[in-house]
Protein backbone atom coordinates (compact mmCIF):
# COMPACT_ATOMS: atom_id res chain seq x y z
CA MET A 1 0.00 0.00 0.00
CA ARG A 2 2.46 2.62 -1.21
CA PHE A 3 -0.13 5.38 -1.45
CA THR A 4 -2.10 5.07 1.77
CA ASP A 5 -3.29 8.55 2.81
CA LYS A 6 -1.88 10.04 -0.42
CA THR A 7 -3.92 12.21 -2.78
CA ALA A 8 -3.40 12.09 -6.53
CA VAL A 9 -4.74 14.19 -9.38
CA ILE A 10 -4.77 12.55 -12.83
CA THR A 11 -5.84 14.38 -15.97
CA GLY A 12 -7.49 12.66 -18.91
CA ALA A 13 -8.52 9.85 -16.56
CA ALA A 14 -11.95 8.98 -17.89
CA ARG A 15 -10.50 6.19 -20.02
CA GLY A 16 -7.31 4.60 -21.35
CA ILE A 17 -3.99 5.13 -19.62
CA GLY A 18 -5.40 7.76 -17.27
CA ALA A 19 -8.17 5.48 -16.00
CA ALA A 20 -5.74 2.58 -15.58
CA THR A 21 -3.36 4.81 -13.62
CA ALA A 22 -6.14 6.09 -11.38
CA LEU A 23 -7.21 2.52 -10.64
CA ARG A 24 -3.62 1.42 -9.92
CA LEU A 25 -2.98 4.22 -7.42
CA ALA A 26 -6.36 3.72 -5.73
CA ARG A 27 -5.68 -0.01 -5.40
CA GLU A 28 -2.58 0.98 -3.42
CA GLY A 29 -4.56 3.19 -1.06
CA ALA A 30 -4.67 6.61 -2.74
CA HIS A 31 -7.58 8.96 -3.05
CA VAL A 32 -7.64 9.91 -6.72
CA ALA A 33 -9.17 12.94 -8.39
CA VAL A 34 -10.21 11.66 -11.82
CA VAL A 35 -10.04 14.75 -14.04
CA ASP A 36 -11.38 14.92 -17.58
CA ILE A 37 -12.97 17.39 -19.98
CA ASP A 38 -15.89 14.91 -20.15
CA PRO A 39 -17.60 15.32 -16.76
CA ASP A 40 -19.84 12.27 -17.16
CA GLY A 41 -16.85 10.15 -18.12
CA ALA A 42 -14.87 11.42 -15.13
CA VAL A 43 -17.68 10.61 -12.72
CA ALA A 44 -18.29 7.18 -14.24
CA SER A 45 -14.58 6.33 -14.05
CA ALA A 46 -14.40 7.49 -10.42
CA GLN A 47 -17.47 5.49 -9.48
CA ALA A 48 -16.07 2.33 -11.06
CA ILE A 49 -12.78 2.81 -9.22
CA SER A 50 -14.48 3.42 -5.87
CA ALA A 51 -16.55 0.24 -6.33
CA ASP A 52 -13.53 -1.94 -7.17
CA ALA A 53 -13.00 -4.65 -4.55
CA GLU A 54 -9.23 -4.14 -4.38
CA VAL A 55 -9.67 -0.38 -3.98
CA ILE A 56 -12.16 -0.88 -1.15
CA ALA A 57 -9.83 -3.34 0.59
CA ALA A 58 -6.93 -0.88 0.28
CA GLY A 59 -8.93 2.06 1.60
CA GLY A 60 -8.65 3.95 -1.68
CA SER A 61 -11.29 6.11 -3.30
CA ALA A 62 -11.93 8.36 -6.28
CA THR A 63 -13.78 11.54 -7.20
CA GLY A 64 -14.65 12.71 -10.70
CA LEU A 65 -13.92 16.32 -11.63
CA ARG A 66 -14.26 18.27 -14.88
CA ALA A 67 -11.48 20.47 -16.29
CA ASP A 68 -10.23 21.77 -19.61
CA VAL A 69 -6.49 21.16 -19.29
CA THR A 70 -5.69 23.87 -21.82
CA ARG A 71 -6.93 26.39 -19.24
CA LEU A 72 -4.64 27.05 -16.30
CA ASP A 73 -7.51 28.46 -14.24
CA ASP A 74 -9.44 25.18 -14.63
CA LEU A 75 -6.54 23.16 -13.24
CA GLU A 76 -5.95 25.67 -10.46
CA ALA A 77 -9.61 25.29 -9.51
CA VAL A 78 -9.27 21.49 -9.47
CA VAL A 79 -6.20 21.68 -7.24
CA ALA A 80 -7.94 24.14 -4.91
CA GLN A 81 -10.94 21.81 -4.61
CA VAL A 82 -8.75 18.79 -3.92
CA VAL A 83 -6.81 20.69 -1.26
CA ALA A 84 -10.07 21.85 0.33
CA ASP A 85 -11.30 18.24 0.44
CA ARG A 86 -8.05 16.41 1.19
CA ALA A 87 -5.62 19.08 2.54
CA ALA A 88 -2.84 18.18 0.07
CA VAL A 89 -1.91 17.14 -3.45
CA ASP A 90 0.83 14.53 -3.22
CA ILE A 91 0.85 13.28 -6.81
CA PHE A 92 -0.06 15.02 -10.06
CA VAL A 93 -0.15 13.06 -13.33
CA ASN A 94 -0.33 15.03 -16.58
CA ASN A 95 -1.89 12.42 -18.82
CA ALA A 96 -4.50 14.24 -20.93
CA GLY A 97 -3.78 14.45 -24.62
CA LEU A 98 -5.07 13.94 -28.14
CA THR A 99 -3.89 13.45 -31.71
CA ARG A 100 -4.78 15.12 -35.00
CA ASP A 101 -2.53 13.23 -37.38
CA ASN A 102 -1.63 14.29 -40.89
CA LEU A 103 1.38 14.56 -43.13
CA LEU A 104 3.30 17.78 -42.67
CA HIS A 105 2.23 19.38 -45.95
CA LYS A 106 -1.44 18.64 -45.14
CA LEU A 107 -1.34 19.59 -41.46
CA ASP A 108 -3.26 22.81 -40.86
CA SER A 109 -2.54 25.43 -38.22
CA ALA A 110 -5.68 24.66 -36.22
CA ASP A 111 -4.68 21.02 -35.71
CA TRP A 112 -1.12 22.07 -34.87
CA ASP A 113 -2.37 24.53 -32.23
CA LEU A 114 -4.89 22.09 -30.75
CA VAL A 115 -2.36 19.27 -30.29
CA ILE A 116 0.31 21.57 -28.83
CA ALA A 117 -2.24 23.10 -26.45
CA THR A 118 -3.77 19.81 -25.29
CA ASN A 119 -0.49 17.95 -24.85
CA LEU A 120 2.36 20.39 -24.17
CA THR A 121 0.68 23.53 -22.84
CA ALA A 122 -1.64 21.42 -20.71
CA THR A 123 1.37 19.73 -19.11
CA PHE A 124 2.84 23.14 -18.31
CA ASN A 125 -0.51 24.14 -16.79
CA GLY A 126 -0.62 20.99 -14.68
CA ILE A 127 2.92 21.47 -13.38
CA LYS A 128 2.22 25.11 -12.58
CA ALA A 129 -1.00 24.31 -10.72
CA ALA A 130 0.59 21.41 -8.82
CA GLN A 131 3.76 23.22 -7.77
CA ALA A 132 1.75 26.04 -6.19
CA VAL A 133 0.64 23.51 -3.56
CA MET A 134 3.66 21.22 -3.52
CA VAL A 135 6.28 23.95 -2.95
CA PRO A 136 4.78 25.03 0.41
CA GLN A 137 4.40 21.32 1.30
CA ARG A 138 8.05 20.80 0.30
CA SER A 139 7.09 17.47 -1.23
CA GLY A 140 5.35 16.05 -4.26
CA ARG A 141 5.51 13.78 -7.28
CA ILE A 142 4.74 15.03 -10.79
CA VAL A 143 4.59 12.50 -13.63
CA ASN A 144 4.09 13.56 -17.25
CA LEU A 145 3.06 11.44 -20.21
CA SER A 146 5.34 11.78 -23.21
CA SER A 147 5.48 9.28 -26.07
CA ARG A 148 7.83 7.29 -28.25
CA SER A 149 6.60 9.66 -30.98
CA ALA A 150 8.88 12.29 -29.42
CA LEU A 151 11.65 10.62 -31.45
CA GLY A 152 9.74 11.34 -34.67
CA ASN A 153 6.81 9.62 -36.32
CA ARG A 154 5.42 9.98 -39.83
CA GLY A 155 2.16 11.93 -39.87
CA GLN A 156 2.59 13.25 -36.33
CA ALA A 157 4.65 16.44 -36.59
CA ASN A 158 2.39 18.20 -34.09
CA TYR A 159 2.18 15.30 -31.63
CA ALA A 160 5.89 14.50 -31.87
CA ALA A 161 6.80 18.14 -31.21
CA ALA A 162 4.49 18.29 -28.21
CA LYS A 163 5.75 15.05 -26.69
CA ALA A 164 9.40 16.00 -27.24
CA GLY A 165 8.65 19.32 -25.57
CA ILE A 166 7.25 17.49 -22.57
CA GLN A 167 10.59 15.77 -22.07
CA GLY A 168 12.44 19.09 -22.02
CA LEU A 169 9.81 20.59 -19.75
CA THR A 170 10.12 17.60 -17.40
CA ALA A 171 13.89 17.95 -17.12
CA THR A 172 13.68 21.70 -16.50
CA ALA A 173 10.89 21.43 -13.93
CA ALA A 174 12.91 18.78 -12.09
CA ILE A 175 15.83 21.22 -11.81
CA GLU A 176 13.67 24.06 -10.55
CA LEU A 177 11.44 22.08 -8.19
CA GLY A 178 14.00 19.64 -6.80
CA PRO A 179 15.11 22.01 -3.99
CA PHE A 180 11.54 21.82 -2.66
CA GLY A 181 11.48 18.03 -2.43
CA ILE A 182 9.45 17.62 -5.64
CA THR A 183 10.38 15.05 -8.26
CA VAL A 184 9.31 15.42 -11.90
CA ASN A 185 9.56 12.52 -14.34
CA ALA A 186 8.00 11.38 -17.60
CA VAL A 187 6.81 8.11 -19.08
CA ALA A 188 7.03 7.70 -22.87
CA PRO A 189 4.88 4.79 -24.05
CA GLY A 190 5.16 3.17 -27.43
CA PHE A 191 2.04 1.57 -28.92
CA ILE A 192 -0.54 1.03 -26.17
CA ALA A 193 -3.95 -0.49 -26.86
CA THR A 194 -6.24 2.47 -26.06
CA PRO A 195 -9.14 4.32 -27.70
CA MET A 196 -6.56 6.80 -29.05
CA THR A 197 -4.63 4.11 -30.93
CA ASP A 198 -7.92 2.59 -32.11
CA ALA A 199 -8.66 5.98 -33.69
CA THR A 200 -5.25 5.92 -35.36
CA ALA A 201 -6.09 2.52 -36.84
CA ALA A 202 -9.34 3.89 -38.23
CA ARG A 203 -7.46 6.85 -39.74
CA VAL A 204 -5.25 4.52 -41.79
CA GLY A 205 -8.18 2.32 -42.80
CA MET A 206 -7.51 -0.69 -40.58
CA SER A 207 -9.36 -2.44 -37.79
CA ALA A 208 -7.90 -2.00 -34.30
CA ALA A 209 -7.00 -5.71 -34.14
CA ASP A 210 -5.24 -5.72 -37.52
CA TYR A 211 -3.34 -2.56 -36.71
CA GLN A 212 -2.16 -4.00 -33.40
CA SER A 213 -0.99 -7.15 -35.20
CA VAL A 214 1.13 -5.10 -37.58
CA VAL A 215 2.72 -3.20 -34.70
CA ALA A 216 3.27 -6.39 -32.69
CA GLU A 217 5.17 -7.98 -35.58
CA ARG A 218 7.83 -5.25 -35.50
CA THR A 219 8.06 -5.13 -31.69
CA PRO A 220 10.74 -7.34 -30.09
CA LEU A 221 8.37 -8.55 -27.38
CA GLY A 222 5.89 -9.54 -30.07
CA ARG A 223 2.87 -7.65 -28.75
CA VAL A 224 1.50 -4.20 -28.06
CA GLY A 225 1.43 -2.63 -24.61
CA GLN A 226 -1.51 -2.35 -22.23
CA PRO A 227 -2.64 0.69 -20.21
CA GLU A 228 -1.97 -1.17 -16.98
CA GLU A 229 1.70 -1.49 -17.89
CA VAL A 230 2.03 2.26 -18.27
CA ALA A 231 0.15 2.71 -15.00
CA ALA A 232 2.76 0.54 -13.26
CA ALA A 233 5.56 2.83 -14.46
CA VAL A 234 3.67 5.94 -13.36
CA ALA A 235 3.08 4.34 -9.97
CA PHE A 236 6.82 3.74 -9.59
CA PHE A 237 7.65 7.38 -10.27
CA ALA A 238 4.88 8.45 -7.88
CA SER A 239 6.15 6.25 -5.06
CA GLU A 240 8.92 6.48 -2.49
CA ASP A 241 10.72 3.78 -4.47
CA ALA A 242 11.66 6.58 -6.90
CA SER A 243 12.57 9.12 -4.22
CA TYR A 244 15.98 9.86 -5.83
CA VAL A 245 14.81 9.72 -9.43
CA SER A 246 13.96 13.04 -11.09
CA GLY A 247 14.16 14.66 -14.51
CA GLN A 248 14.00 11.30 -16.28
CA THR A 249 11.99 9.96 -19.21
CA LEU A 250 11.29 6.21 -19.23
CA TYR A 251 10.39 4.59 -22.55
CA LEU A 252 7.92 1.68 -22.51
CA ASN A 253 7.87 0.26 -26.00
CA GLY A 254 8.51 -3.47 -25.86
CA GLY A 255 12.12 -3.07 -26.96
CA ALA A 256 11.35 -1.29 -30.25
CA ARG A 257 14.05 1.01 -31.58
């Protein structure tokens, strides 16, 4: 029970990696604020987590909250509400994101701006909102979601730029916040079976299963990743096991190069 009496805020947690991470932390005793732009999805995810038998046994719980992560004031309001309810924010996970894929010469400015705002600027907003509480506490864990696409990926100039930016932002925030006992790290997944990657499959005219098979064939481990595997890495960075780890980006991609 690494997170007994700890409070975590996770953005984009109505589904996919965010929901899996919220469940993982709650199963280890945390109270989790499930934050999403979809309020019904956030509440449904929180209710499912709170009803989970392992969460109940561990003393964990969850609350669903709505926020637009591209707005700093929304995330500041979420943090203020969590502090009012729980007196602290111990863990903040910047997970929310989206894709608008296209080849560079077809990519329009609106899709560039949207992806940068929802992935990179939103991570900056989350760090800024979290540190305002964590600095006075002189403790905290911030974990950001980057991606293997940060290394470059055809049709994802906007997403790759945003995810690469997150790695630089993570390293810089770790330098600035380290003196206050705050660690900042990033997880960079490869192909994970989520609704987002299902949408990518549809974009290229394939079924989700066929697309995953193609990716699995070129992955050394011979399969795609699962949200729960990313959640395990986030949980490590959020725990005392990683107390001397900061400014790092961990790739989870089944050995792909």
